[in-house]
Amino acid sequence: MDGEKLVAIVTGAGSGVGYETARQLLEKGWEVWDLSRRDRAYAGVKHMSCDIANEDRVLTAVNLIYSQCGHIDLLVNNAGIGISGAVEFTSSEDAQRLMNVNLMGADNVCRAVIPYMRENEGGRIIFISSAAAAFPIPFQAWYSASKAALSSYALALRNELKPFGISVCVLMPGDIRTGFTANRLKRSDGDDIYEGRIDKAVSAMEKDELSGMEPGYVAAQVVKCAYAGNPAPLKTVGGRYKLFMALKRFLPERFVNFLLGQIYS
């Protein structure tokens, strides 16, 4: 591929971390393709309207990209949605939609891209998980579960694809200041039964997010991972979250879960 641009697919590049990741890769000379439902993309990024939860549309989009480029060097699985509320009052439809995007959507894109990376004997897949995967947040149970599942999926995939020269890594950022906060599907059903703890927990989450990291900082860590010779399987992004992860290794799970309950519920 001498003289050819490296090709990256970034899901959910219409906003937030995905938007910044696409921008930074483009500035480094990559050819960047955005798969997202939003029609907003950074100038120069090639946008394809695609709901990643739709397996057929994903396959069509990836096949088209490969037919035009002849190789796919990087996949950034960034697209995701959030819901909040008590598990008891979260509909199966809302929960399934979240899992279809956050977990199965990433799987759809991976299964479409992997055969081409294997054919070209190399590539890198980066998953954007969350610190919520390690610290399950009350009244955000389904989001936490989806990110924990995504991290497990990615680490298993890392060993499956290693013999083909395809590397996999997972980034777990903490709170990020993006439009994700406003776009979260919030359910307050049953808050009277839970004595106001649902709204209290969501307010605490939103406060942390609104004072969180800039998406450009997280995107820079994604790009750094794209260039790393041998990236760590799992990397926490954000100074205080690295500290939390370090402490979690030494503190009893009972105590960690108690603290989460004290903070959020």
C-alpha atoms as a PDB file:
ATOM      1  CA  MET A   1       0.000   0.000   0.000  1.00  0.00           C
ATOM      2  CA  ASP A   2       2.956   2.301  -0.572  1.00  0.00           C
ATOM      3  CA  GLY A   3       1.750   5.811  -1.327  1.00  0.00           C
ATOM      4  CA  GLU A   4      -1.866   4.931  -0.494  1.00  0.00           C
ATOM      5  CA  LYS A   5      -3.767   6.539   2.306  1.00  0.00           C
ATOM      6  CA  LEU A   6      -4.604   4.430   5.330  1.00  0.00           C
ATOM      7  CA  VAL A   7      -8.356   3.831   5.526  1.00  0.00           C
ATOM      8  CA  ALA A   8     -10.371   4.140   8.726  1.00  0.00           C
ATOM      9  CA  ILE A   9     -14.010   3.509   9.521  1.00  0.00           C
ATOM     10  CA  VAL A  10     -15.347   5.394  12.530  1.00  0.00           C
ATOM     11  CA  THR A  11     -18.861   4.631  13.685  1.00  0.00           C
ATOM     12  CA  GLY A  12     -20.882   7.471  15.163  1.00  0.00           C
ATOM     13  CA  ALA A  13     -18.554  10.146  13.791  1.00  0.00           C
ATOM     14  CA  GLY A  14     -21.354  12.689  13.574  1.00  0.00           C
ATOM     15  CA  SER A  15     -20.697  14.047  17.054  1.00  0.00           C
ATOM     16  CA  GLY A  16     -18.598  13.846  20.204  1.00  0.00           C
ATOM     17  CA  VAL A  17     -15.620  11.512  20.408  1.00  0.00           C
ATOM     18  CA  GLY A  18     -16.352   9.994  16.995  1.00  0.00           C
ATOM     19  CA  TYR A  19     -16.419  13.401  15.329  1.00  0.00           C
ATOM     20  CA  GLU A  20     -13.122  14.414  16.951  1.00  0.00           C
ATOM     21  CA  THR A  21     -11.503  11.069  16.151  1.00  0.00           C
ATOM     22  CA  ALA A  22     -12.466  11.386  12.475  1.00  0.00           C
ATOM     23  CA  ARG A  23     -11.134  14.950  12.405  1.00  0.00           C
ATOM     24  CA  GLN A  24      -7.792  14.019  13.962  1.00  0.00           C
ATOM     25  CA  LEU A  25      -7.296  10.995  11.721  1.00  0.00           C
ATOM     26  CA  LEU A  26      -8.112  13.104   8.669  1.00  0.00           C
ATOM     27  CA  GLU A  27      -5.533  15.678   9.704  1.00  0.00           C
ATOM     28  CA  LYS A  28      -2.954  12.896   9.902  1.00  0.00           C
ATOM     29  CA  GLY A  29      -3.638  11.950   6.297  1.00  0.00           C
ATOM     30  CA  TRP A  30      -6.078   9.074   6.693  1.00  0.00           C
ATOM     31  CA  GLU A  31      -9.068   8.467   4.457  1.00  0.00           C
ATOM     32  CA  VAL A  32     -11.901   8.436   6.958  1.00  0.00           C
ATOM     33  CA  TRP A  33     -15.378   6.985   6.534  1.00  0.00           C
ATOM     34  CA  ASP A  34     -18.172   7.754   8.961  1.00  0.00           C
ATOM     35  CA  LEU A  35     -20.968   5.248   9.532  1.00  0.00           C
ATOM     36  CA  SER A  36     -23.715   6.980  11.481  1.00  0.00           C
ATOM     37  CA  ARG A  37     -27.338   7.998  11.365  1.00  0.00           C
ATOM     38  CA  ARG A  38     -26.437  11.694  11.536  1.00  0.00           C
ATOM     39  CA  ASP A  39     -25.639  13.589   8.378  1.00  0.00           C
ATOM     40  CA  ARG A  40     -23.174  15.841  10.206  1.00  0.00           C
ATOM     41  CA  ALA A  41     -19.566  14.964   9.441  1.00  0.00           C
ATOM     42  CA  TYR A  42     -16.269  16.798   9.587  1.00  0.00           C
ATOM     43  CA  ALA A  43     -15.297  18.342   6.235  1.00  0.00           C
ATOM     44  CA  GLY A  44     -13.358  15.776   4.222  1.00  0.00           C
ATOM     45  CA  VAL A  45     -14.791  12.781   6.051  1.00  0.00           C
ATOM     46  CA  LYS A  46     -16.836  10.482   3.825  1.00  0.00           C
ATOM     47  CA  HIS A  47     -20.214  10.007   5.446  1.00  0.00           C
ATOM     48  CA  MET A  48     -22.520   7.036   4.904  1.00  0.00           C
ATOM     49  CA  SER A  49     -25.931   7.090   6.572  1.00  0.00           C
ATOM     50  CA  CYS A  50     -26.096   3.790   8.404  1.00  0.00           C
ATOM     51  CA  ASP A  51     -27.810   2.442  11.507  1.00  0.00           C
ATOM     52  CA  ILE A  52     -25.198  -0.011  12.774  1.00  0.00           C
ATOM     53  CA  ALA A  53     -27.947  -2.059  14.418  1.00  0.00           C
ATOM     54  CA  ASN A  54     -29.073  -2.981  10.890  1.00  0.00           C
ATOM     55  CA  GLU A  55     -26.804  -5.847   9.812  1.00  0.00           C
ATOM     56  CA  ASP A  56     -27.683  -5.660   6.106  1.00  0.00           C
ATOM     57  CA  ARG A  57     -27.025  -1.915   5.873  1.00  0.00           C
ATOM     58  CA  VAL A  58     -23.705  -2.312   7.666  1.00  0.00           C
ATOM     59  CA  LEU A  59     -22.584  -5.070   5.301  1.00  0.00           C
ATOM     60  CA  THR A  60     -23.584  -3.006   2.260  1.00  0.00           C
ATOM     61  CA  ALA A  61     -21.700   0.038   3.559  1.00  0.00           C
ATOM     62  CA  VAL A  62     -18.505  -1.867   4.421  1.00  0.00           C
ATOM     63  CA  ASN A  63     -18.529  -3.734   1.101  1.00  0.00           C
ATOM     64  CA  LEU A  64     -18.798  -0.409  -0.722  1.00  0.00           C
ATOM     65  CA  ILE A  65     -15.918   1.094   1.237  1.00  0.00           C
ATOM     66  CA  TYR A  66     -13.712  -1.901   0.498  1.00  0.00           C
ATOM     67  CA  SER A  67     -14.644  -1.929  -3.186  1.00  0.00           C
ATOM     68  CA  GLN A  68     -13.538   1.698  -3.467  1.00  0.00           C
ATOM     69  CA  CYS A  69     -10.433   1.548  -1.279  1.00  0.00           C
ATOM     70  CA  GLY A  70      -9.152  -2.025  -1.560  1.00  0.00           C
ATOM     71  CA  HIS A  71      -8.235  -2.134   2.140  1.00  0.00           C
ATOM     72  CA  ILE A  72      -9.550  -1.192   5.581  1.00  0.00           C
ATOM     73  CA  ASP A  73      -6.814  -0.522   8.114  1.00  0.00           C
ATOM     74  CA  LEU A  74      -8.673   0.728  11.165  1.00  0.00           C
ATOM     75  CA  LEU A  75     -12.121   0.333  12.667  1.00  0.00           C
ATOM     76  CA  VAL A  76     -13.147   2.524  15.585  1.00  0.00           C
ATOM     77  CA  ASN A  77     -16.295   1.155  17.194  1.00  0.00           C
ATOM     78  CA  ASN A  78     -17.528   4.341  18.821  1.00  0.00           C
ATOM     79  CA  ALA A  79     -21.277   4.562  18.168  1.00  0.00           C
ATOM     80  CA  GLY A  80     -23.470   4.129  21.204  1.00  0.00           C
ATOM     81  CA  ILE A  81     -26.618   5.284  22.962  1.00  0.00           C
ATOM     82  CA  GLY A  82     -27.619   5.622  26.601  1.00  0.00           C
ATOM     83  CA  ILE A  83     -30.695   5.082  28.713  1.00  0.00           C
ATOM     84  CA  SER A  84     -31.272   5.684  32.395  1.00  0.00           C
ATOM     85  CA  GLY A  85     -33.931   4.659  34.872  1.00  0.00           C
ATOM     86  CA  ALA A  86     -34.793   1.884  37.278  1.00  0.00           C
ATOM     87  CA  VAL A  87     -34.382  -1.625  35.884  1.00  0.00           C
ATOM     88  CA  GLU A  88     -37.858  -2.446  37.146  1.00  0.00           C
ATOM     89  CA  PHE A  89     -39.400   0.254  34.966  1.00  0.00           C
ATOM     90  CA  THR A  90     -37.163  -0.042  31.885  1.00  0.00           C
ATOM     91  CA  SER A  91     -39.056  -1.603  29.008  1.00  0.00           C
ATOM     92  CA  SER A  92     -37.595  -4.607  27.242  1.00  0.00           C
ATOM     93  CA  GLU A  93     -37.863  -2.622  23.992  1.00  0.00           C
ATOM     94  CA  ASP A  94     -35.648   0.202  25.332  1.00  0.00           C
ATOM     95  CA  ALA A  95     -33.137  -2.249  26.783  1.00  0.00           C
ATOM     96  CA  GLN A  96     -33.016  -4.290  23.574  1.00  0.00           C
ATOM     97  CA  ARG A  97     -32.511  -1.194  21.441  1.00  0.00           C
ATOM     98  CA  LEU A  98     -29.557  -0.149  23.579  1.00  0.00           C
ATOM     99  CA  MET A  99     -27.948  -3.590  23.381  1.00  0.00           C
ATOM    100  CA  ASN A 100     -28.608  -3.746  19.635  1.00  0.00           C
ATOM    101  CA  VAL A 101     -26.605  -0.552  19.122  1.00  0.00           C
ATOM    102  CA  ASN A 102     -23.922  -0.704  21.813  1.00  0.00           C
ATOM    103  CA  LEU A 103     -23.064  -4.394  21.542  1.00  0.00           C
ATOM    104  CA  MET A 104     -24.653  -6.043  18.519  1.00  0.00           C
ATOM    105  CA  GLY A 105     -24.061  -2.961  16.372  1.00  0.00           C
ATOM    106  CA  ALA A 106     -20.346  -3.169  17.070  1.00  0.00           C
ATOM    107  CA  ASP A 107     -20.496  -6.883  16.289  1.00  0.00           C
ATOM    108  CA  ASN A 108     -22.222  -6.172  12.965  1.00  0.00           C
ATOM    109  CA  VAL A 109     -19.419  -3.845  11.888  1.00  0.00           C
ATOM    110  CA  CYS A 110     -16.691  -6.194  13.111  1.00  0.00           C
ATOM    111  CA  ARG A 111     -18.092  -9.178  11.215  1.00  0.00           C
ATOM    112  CA  ALA A 112     -18.282  -7.077   8.059  1.00  0.00           C
ATOM    113  CA  VAL A 113     -14.731  -5.714   8.390  1.00  0.00           C
ATOM    114  CA  ILE A 114     -12.772  -8.705   9.729  1.00  0.00           C
ATOM    115  CA  PRO A 115     -12.761 -10.774   6.486  1.00  0.00           C
ATOM    116  CA  TYR A 116     -11.182  -7.855   4.608  1.00  0.00           C
ATOM    117  CA  MET A 117      -8.584  -7.231   7.312  1.00  0.00           C
ATOM    118  CA  ARG A 118      -7.762 -10.933   7.385  1.00  0.00           C
ATOM    119  CA  GLU A 119      -7.433 -10.983   3.593  1.00  0.00           C
ATOM    120  CA  ASN A 120      -4.979  -8.083   3.800  1.00  0.00           C
ATOM    121  CA  GLU A 121      -3.163  -9.726   6.726  1.00  0.00           C
ATOM    122  CA  GLY A 122      -3.549  -6.878   9.184  1.00  0.00           C
ATOM    123  CA  GLY A 123      -5.599  -4.145  10.729  1.00  0.00           C
ATOM    124  CA  ARG A 124      -6.650  -2.679  14.042  1.00  0.00           C
ATOM    125  CA  ILE A 125     -10.004  -2.549  15.800  1.00  0.00           C
ATOM    126  CA  ILE A 126     -10.537  -0.084  18.647  1.00  0.00           C
ATOM    127  CA  PHE A 127     -13.582  -0.258  20.896  1.00  0.00           C
ATOM    128  CA  ILE A 128     -14.821   2.718  22.912  1.00  0.00           C
ATOM    129  CA  SER A 129     -16.168   1.187  26.086  1.00  0.00           C
ATOM    130  CA  SER A 130     -16.631   3.117  29.338  1.00  0.00           C
ATOM    131  CA  ALA A 131     -15.502   3.281  32.938  1.00  0.00           C
ATOM    132  CA  ALA A 132     -19.105   2.252  33.636  1.00  0.00           C
ATOM    133  CA  ALA A 133     -18.078  -1.228  32.454  1.00  0.00           C
ATOM    134  CA  ALA A 134     -15.935  -1.556  35.590  1.00  0.00           C
ATOM    135  CA  PHE A 135     -18.124   0.591  37.856  1.00  0.00           C
ATOM    136  CA  PRO A 136     -21.792  -0.355  37.267  1.00  0.00           C
ATOM    137  CA  ILE A 137     -23.879   2.728  37.978  1.00  0.00           C
ATOM    138  CA  PRO A 138     -27.277   2.456  39.676  1.00  0.00           C
ATOM    139  CA  PHE A 139     -30.144   3.552  37.434  1.00  0.00           C
ATOM    140  CA  GLN A 140     -27.843   3.204  34.442  1.00  0.00           C
ATOM    141  CA  ALA A 141     -27.698  -0.564  34.669  1.00  0.00           C
ATOM    142  CA  TRP A 142     -28.334  -1.328  31.012  1.00  0.00           C
ATOM    143  CA  TYR A 143     -25.698   1.111  29.759  1.00  0.00           C
ATOM    144  CA  SER A 144     -23.164  -0.289  32.238  1.00  0.00           C
ATOM    145  CA  ALA A 145     -24.061  -3.841  31.214  1.00  0.00           C
ATOM    146  CA  SER A 146     -23.705  -3.054  27.510  1.00  0.00           C
ATOM    147  CA  LYS A 147     -20.230  -1.586  28.012  1.00  0.00           C
ATOM    148  CA  ALA A 148     -19.100  -4.458  30.229  1.00  0.00           C
ATOM    149  CA  ALA A 149     -20.272  -6.888  27.551  1.00  0.00           C
ATOM    150  CA  LEU A 150     -18.506  -4.857  24.864  1.00  0.00           C
ATOM    151  CA  SER A 151     -15.205  -4.984  26.776  1.00  0.00           C
ATOM    152  CA  SER A 152     -15.475  -8.761  27.236  1.00  0.00           C
ATOM    153  CA  TYR A 153     -16.374  -9.230  23.573  1.00  0.00           C
ATOM    154  CA  ALA A 154     -13.391  -7.142  22.478  1.00  0.00           C
ATOM    155  CA  LEU A 155     -10.860  -8.919  24.696  1.00  0.00           C
ATOM    156  CA  ALA A 156     -12.028 -12.320  23.462  1.00  0.00           C
ATOM    157  CA  LEU A 157     -11.852 -11.056  19.879  1.00  0.00           C
ATOM    158  CA  ARG A 158      -8.285  -9.862  20.473  1.00  0.00           C
ATOM    159  CA  ASN A 159      -7.097 -13.434  20.990  1.00  0.00           C
ATOM    160  CA  GLU A 160      -9.189 -14.794  18.132  1.00  0.00           C
ATOM    161  CA  LEU A 161      -7.705 -12.370  15.601  1.00  0.00           C
ATOM    162  CA  LYS A 162      -4.105 -12.191  16.806  1.00  0.00           C
ATOM    163  CA  PRO A 163      -2.859 -14.955  14.437  1.00  0.00           C
ATOM    164  CA  PHE A 164      -4.125 -12.913  11.462  1.00  0.00           C
ATOM    165  CA  GLY A 165      -2.161  -9.794  12.345  1.00  0.00           C
ATOM    166  CA  ILE A 166      -5.315  -7.978  13.450  1.00  0.00           C
ATOM    167  CA  SER A 167      -4.935  -6.225  16.800  1.00  0.00           C
ATOM    168  CA  VAL A 168      -7.779  -5.254  19.119  1.00  0.00           C
ATOM    169  CA  CYS A 169      -7.818  -2.810  22.012  1.00  0.00           C
ATOM    170  CA  VAL A 170     -10.410  -1.256  24.300  1.00  0.00           C
ATOM    171  CA  LEU A 171     -10.500   2.287  25.657  1.00  0.00           C
ATOM    172  CA  MET A 172     -12.535   2.958  28.802  1.00  0.00           C
ATOM    173  CA  PRO A 173     -13.038   6.703  29.198  1.00  0.00           C
ATOM    174  CA  GLY A 174     -14.652   8.284  32.199  1.00  0.00           C
ATOM    175  CA  ASP A 175     -17.093  11.173  31.953  1.00  0.00           C
ATOM    176  CA  ILE A 176     -16.909  13.167  28.712  1.00  0.00           C
ATOM    177  CA  ARG A 177     -18.519  16.514  27.957  1.00  0.00           C
ATOM    178  CA  THR A 178     -20.544  15.770  24.801  1.00  0.00           C
ATOM    179  CA  GLY A 179     -24.089  15.815  23.475  1.00  0.00           C
ATOM    180  CA  PHE A 180     -24.466  12.254  24.767  1.00  0.00           C
ATOM    181  CA  THR A 181     -25.813  13.691  28.034  1.00  0.00           C
ATOM    182  CA  ALA A 182     -28.692  15.526  26.368  1.00  0.00           C
ATOM    183  CA  ASN A 183     -29.432  12.611  24.036  1.00  0.00           C
ATOM    184  CA  ARG A 184     -29.733   9.985  26.774  1.00  0.00           C
ATOM    185  CA  LEU A 185     -33.181   8.427  27.009  1.00  0.00           C
ATOM    186  CA  LYS A 186     -34.224   9.235  30.577  1.00  0.00           C
ATOM    187  CA  ARG A 187     -37.033   7.389  32.332  1.00  0.00           C
ATOM    188  CA  SER A 188     -38.227   8.648  35.714  1.00  0.00           C
ATOM    189  CA  ASP A 189     -41.014   6.088  36.016  1.00  0.00           C
ATOM    190  CA  GLY A 190     -41.316   4.875  39.581  1.00  0.00           C
ATOM    191  CA  ASP A 191     -39.276   7.686  41.095  1.00  0.00           C
ATOM    192  CA  ASP A 192     -41.945   8.139  43.744  1.00  0.00           C
ATOM    193  CA  ILE A 193     -41.516   4.491  44.720  1.00  0.00           C
ATOM    194  CA  TYR A 194     -37.733   4.905  44.772  1.00  0.00           C
ATOM    195  CA  GLU A 195     -38.093   8.070  46.873  1.00  0.00           C
ATOM    196  CA  GLY A 196     -36.482  10.383  44.336  1.00  0.00           C
ATOM    197  CA  ARG A 197     -33.301   8.315  43.969  1.00  0.00           C
ATOM    198  CA  ILE A 198     -33.695   7.930  40.194  1.00  0.00           C
ATOM    199  CA  ASP A 199     -33.632  11.651  39.467  1.00  0.00           C
ATOM    200  CA  LYS A 200     -30.899  12.149  42.070  1.00  0.00           C
ATOM    201  CA  ALA A 201     -28.685   9.529  40.425  1.00  0.00           C
ATOM    202  CA  VAL A 202     -29.234  10.875  36.912  1.00  0.00           C
ATOM    203  CA  SER A 203     -28.549  14.442  38.063  1.00  0.00           C
ATOM    204  CA  ALA A 204     -25.281  13.299  39.648  1.00  0.00           C
ATOM    205  CA  MET A 205     -24.283  11.529  36.423  1.00  0.00           C
ATOM    206  CA  GLU A 206     -25.101  14.538  34.289  1.00  0.00           C
ATOM    207  CA  LYS A 207     -23.172  16.868  36.573  1.00  0.00           C
ATOM    208  CA  ASP A 208     -20.093  14.641  36.227  1.00  0.00           C
ATOM    209  CA  GLU A 209     -20.500  14.445  32.462  1.00  0.00           C
ATOM    210  CA  LEU A 210     -20.935  18.187  31.982  1.00  0.00           C
ATOM    211  CA  SER A 211     -17.689  18.785  33.854  1.00  0.00           C
ATOM    212  CA  GLY A 212     -15.934  15.850  32.214  1.00  0.00           C
ATOM    213  CA  MET A 213     -13.142  15.502  29.673  1.00  0.00           C
ATOM    214  CA  GLU A 214     -13.186  17.217  26.293  1.00  0.00           C
ATOM    215  CA  PRO A 215     -14.000  14.786  23.463  1.00  0.00           C
ATOM    216  CA  GLY A 216     -10.874  15.929  21.638  1.00  0.00           C
ATOM    217  CA  TYR A 217      -8.718  14.618  24.484  1.00  0.00           C
ATOM    218  CA  VAL A 218     -10.345  11.187  24.330  1.00  0.00           C
ATOM    219  CA  ALA A 219     -10.073  11.193  20.531  1.00  0.00           C
ATOM    220  CA  ALA A 220      -6.339  11.879  20.848  1.00  0.00           C
ATOM    221  CA  GLN A 221      -6.038   8.707  22.926  1.00  0.00           C
ATOM    222  CA  VAL A 222      -7.896   6.791  20.220  1.00  0.00           C
ATOM    223  CA  VAL A 223      -5.491   8.076  17.566  1.00  0.00           C
ATOM    224  CA  LYS A 224      -2.530   7.264  19.811  1.00  0.00           C
ATOM    225  CA  CYS A 225      -3.854   3.713  20.119  1.00  0.00           C
ATOM    226  CA  ALA A 226      -4.211   3.530  16.325  1.00  0.00           C
ATOM    227  CA  TYR A 227      -0.481   4.193  15.944  1.00  0.00           C
ATOM    228  CA  ALA A 228       0.794   2.161  18.912  1.00  0.00           C
ATOM    229  CA  GLY A 229       3.014  -0.761  18.009  1.00  0.00           C
ATOM    230  CA  ASN A 230       1.535  -3.077  20.614  1.00  0.00           C
ATOM    231  CA  PRO A 231      -1.391  -1.359  22.348  1.00  0.00           C
ATOM    232  CA  ALA A 232      -2.548  -2.487  25.772  1.00  0.00           C
ATOM    233  CA  PRO A 233      -5.660  -4.679  25.633  1.00  0.00           C
ATOM    234  CA  LEU A 234      -7.559  -2.377  27.977  1.00  0.00           C
ATOM    235  CA  LYS A 235      -6.777   1.267  28.654  1.00  0.00           C
ATOM    236  CA  THR A 236      -8.557   3.626  31.034  1.00  0.00           C
ATOM    237  CA  VAL A 237      -8.749   7.230  29.835  1.00  0.00           C
ATOM    238  CA  GLY A 238      -8.744  10.072  32.360  1.00  0.00           C
ATOM    239  CA  GLY A 239      -6.444  10.619  35.327  1.00  0.00           C
ATOM    240  CA  ARG A 240      -8.908  10.111  38.167  1.00  0.00           C
ATOM    241  CA  TYR A 241     -10.437   7.087  36.480  1.00  0.00           C
ATOM    242  CA  LYS A 242      -7.022   5.456  36.260  1.00  0.00           C
ATOM    243  CA  LEU A 243      -6.764   6.048  40.013  1.00  0.00           C
ATOM    244  CA  PHE A 244     -10.196   4.508  40.568  1.00  0.00           C
ATOM    245  CA  MET A 245      -9.206   1.444  38.539  1.00  0.00           C
ATOM    246  CA  ALA A 246      -5.987   1.076  40.526  1.00  0.00           C
ATOM    247  CA  LEU A 247      -7.881   1.288  43.817  1.00  0.00           C
ATOM    248  CA  LYS A 248     -10.486  -1.196  42.579  1.00  0.00           C
ATOM    249  CA  ARG A 249      -7.791  -3.850  42.309  1.00  0.00           C
ATOM    250  CA  PHE A 250      -7.125  -3.648  46.044  1.00  0.00           C
ATOM    251  CA  LEU A 251     -10.536  -2.834  47.516  1.00  0.00           C
ATOM    252  CA  PRO A 252     -13.174  -5.509  48.204  1.00  0.00           C
ATOM    253  CA  GLU A 253     -15.954  -5.583  45.603  1.00  0.00           C
ATOM    254  CA  ARG A 254     -18.505  -5.180  48.384  1.00  0.00           C
ATOM    255  CA  PHE A 255     -16.897  -1.873  49.397  1.00  0.00           C
ATOM    256  CA  VAL A 256     -16.620  -0.574  45.812  1.00  0.00           C
ATOM    257  CA  ASN A 257     -20.267  -1.351  45.148  1.00  0.00           C
ATOM    258  CA  PHE A 258     -21.243   0.288  48.443  1.00  0.00           C
ATOM    259  CA  LEU A 259     -19.433   3.491  47.403  1.00  0.00           C
ATOM    260  CA  LEU A 260     -21.213   3.540  44.057  1.00  0.00           C
ATOM    261  CA  GLY A 261     -24.499   3.228  45.879  1.00  0.00           C
ATOM    262  CA  GLN A 262     -23.603   6.081  48.211  1.00  0.00           C
ATOM    263  CA  ILE A 263     -22.609   8.343  45.308  1.00  0.00           C
ATOM    264  CA  TYR A 264     -25.484   7.624  42.965  1.00  0.00           C
ATOM    265  CA  SER A 265     -28.369   6.274  45.007  1.00  0.00           C
END
